[in-house]
C-alpha atoms as a PDB file:
ATOM      1  CA  MET A   1      19.234 -16.059 -14.957  1.00  0.00           C
ATOM      2  CA  CYS A   2      17.160 -18.918 -16.214  1.00  0.00           C
ATOM      3  CA  LEU A   3      17.996 -22.290 -17.999  1.00  0.00           C
ATOM      4  CA  THR A   4      16.077 -25.114 -19.483  1.00  0.00           C
ATOM      5  CA  THR A   5      15.873 -28.311 -17.522  1.00  0.00           C
ATOM      6  CA  GLN A   6      18.310 -29.934 -19.913  1.00  0.00           C
ATOM      7  CA  ALA A   7      20.821 -27.115 -19.656  1.00  0.00           C
ATOM      8  CA  LEU A   8      20.568 -27.031 -15.830  1.00  0.00           C
ATOM      9  CA  TYR A   9      21.259 -30.675 -15.405  1.00  0.00           C
ATOM     10  CA  LEU A  10      24.128 -30.513 -17.909  1.00  0.00           C
ATOM     11  CA  PHE A  11      25.648 -27.670 -15.522  1.00  0.00           C
ATOM     12  CA  LEU A  12      24.800 -29.821 -12.404  1.00  0.00           C
ATOM     13  CA  SER A  13      26.504 -32.966 -13.832  1.00  0.00           C
ATOM     14  CA  MET A  14      29.872 -31.087 -13.467  1.00  0.00           C
ATOM     15  CA  MET A  15      29.260 -30.486  -9.813  1.00  0.00           C
ATOM     16  CA  PRO A  16      30.171 -32.768  -7.025  1.00  0.00           C
ATOM     17  CA  ALA A  17      27.103 -34.555  -5.844  1.00  0.00           C
ATOM     18  CA  ASP A  18      27.830 -33.787  -2.054  1.00  0.00           C
ATOM     19  CA  ARG A  19      27.163 -30.117  -2.909  1.00  0.00           C
ATOM     20  CA  LEU A  20      23.649 -30.646  -4.365  1.00  0.00           C
ATOM     21  CA  ASP A  21      20.375 -30.767  -2.530  1.00  0.00           C
ATOM     22  CA  LEU A  22      17.554 -31.754  -5.050  1.00  0.00           C
ATOM     23  CA  THR A  23      13.864 -31.513  -4.473  1.00  0.00           C
ATOM     24  CA  GLU A  24      10.917 -31.562  -6.926  1.00  0.00           C
ATOM     25  CA  GLY A  25      10.859 -27.764  -7.546  1.00  0.00           C
ATOM     26  CA  ARG A  26      14.188 -26.453  -6.109  1.00  0.00           C
ATOM     27  CA  VAL A  27      17.919 -27.307  -6.503  1.00  0.00           C
ATOM     28  CA  ILE A  28      20.370 -25.921  -3.962  1.00  0.00           C
ATOM     29  CA  LEU A  29      24.038 -25.813  -5.036  1.00  0.00           C
ATOM     30  CA  ARG A  30      26.312 -25.286  -2.001  1.00  0.00           C
ATOM     31  CA  ALA A  31      29.067 -23.089  -3.631  1.00  0.00           C
ATOM     32  CA  ASP A  32      32.183 -21.943  -1.707  1.00  0.00           C
ATOM     33  CA  THR A  33      30.905 -18.533  -0.836  1.00  0.00           C
ATOM     34  CA  ARG A  34      27.131 -19.075  -0.441  1.00  0.00           C
ATOM     35  CA  PRO A  35      24.385 -21.442  -1.737  1.00  0.00           C
ATOM     36  CA  ALA A  36      22.764 -20.927  -5.222  1.00  0.00           C
ATOM     37  CA  HIS A  37      18.956 -21.763  -5.156  1.00  0.00           C
ATOM     38  CA  TRP A  38      17.484 -22.825  -8.581  1.00  0.00           C
ATOM     39  CA  VAL A  39      13.664 -22.661  -8.553  1.00  0.00           C
ATOM     40  CA  TYR A  40      11.381 -24.180 -11.303  1.00  0.00           C
ATOM     41  CA  ASN A  41       8.799 -21.676 -12.455  1.00  0.00           C
ATOM     42  CA  GLY A  42       6.770 -24.075 -14.663  1.00  0.00           C
ATOM     43  CA  GLU A  43       8.950 -23.586 -17.830  1.00  0.00           C
ATOM     44  CA  LYS A  44      12.601 -23.008 -16.734  1.00  0.00           C
ATOM     45  CA  TRP A  45      14.831 -23.133 -13.803  1.00  0.00           C
ATOM     46  CA  CYS A  46      15.760 -19.760 -12.489  1.00  0.00           C
ATOM     47  CA  THR A  47      18.254 -18.347  -9.906  1.00  0.00           C
ATOM     48  CA  MET A  48      18.985 -15.045  -8.471  1.00  0.00           C
ATOM     49  CA  ALA A  49      22.541 -15.969  -7.546  1.00  0.00           C
ATOM     50  CA  PRO A  50      24.368 -13.672 -10.157  1.00  0.00           C
ATOM     51  CA  GLN A  51      22.506 -10.602  -8.997  1.00  0.00           C
ATOM     52  CA  ILE A  52      22.968 -11.554  -5.332  1.00  0.00           C
ATOM     53  CA  ASP A  53      26.596 -12.133  -5.713  1.00  0.00           C
ATOM     54  CA  ALA A  54      26.945  -8.743  -7.718  1.00  0.00           C
ATOM     55  CA  ASN A  55      25.068  -6.948  -4.900  1.00  0.00           C
ATOM     56  CA  TYR A  56      27.363  -8.503  -2.304  1.00  0.00           C
ATOM     57  CA  ARG A  57      30.536  -7.624  -4.193  1.00  0.00           C
ATOM     58  CA  LEU A  58      29.467  -4.146  -4.945  1.00  0.00           C
ATOM     59  CA  LYS A  59      28.152  -3.231  -1.637  1.00  0.00           C
ATOM     60  CA  PRO A  60      30.155  -0.154  -0.088  1.00  0.00           C
ATOM     61  CA  ALA A  61      32.447  -1.288   2.733  1.00  0.00           C
ATOM     62  CA  ALA A  62      30.904  -0.382   6.153  1.00  0.00           C
END
C-alpha cells in the first residue's frame, strides 16, 4: 500500500503523536497489535502492514 506524502501526513495527523517515530525516510506508527513501518521510495510512502496483518490473521493455528 502506498500513499503520497500529503495523504500520509493527513492520515498521520489523526494519530496520537506519542505513537509516531519520524525519521527522514521512515515513519513508524506503533499500533496496538504491531508497528506499521512506512518507507519513502523516492515517489511515495509505502507499507507492507496490510499484507503482514493479513498473513498473521490467516496463518493456520499451530
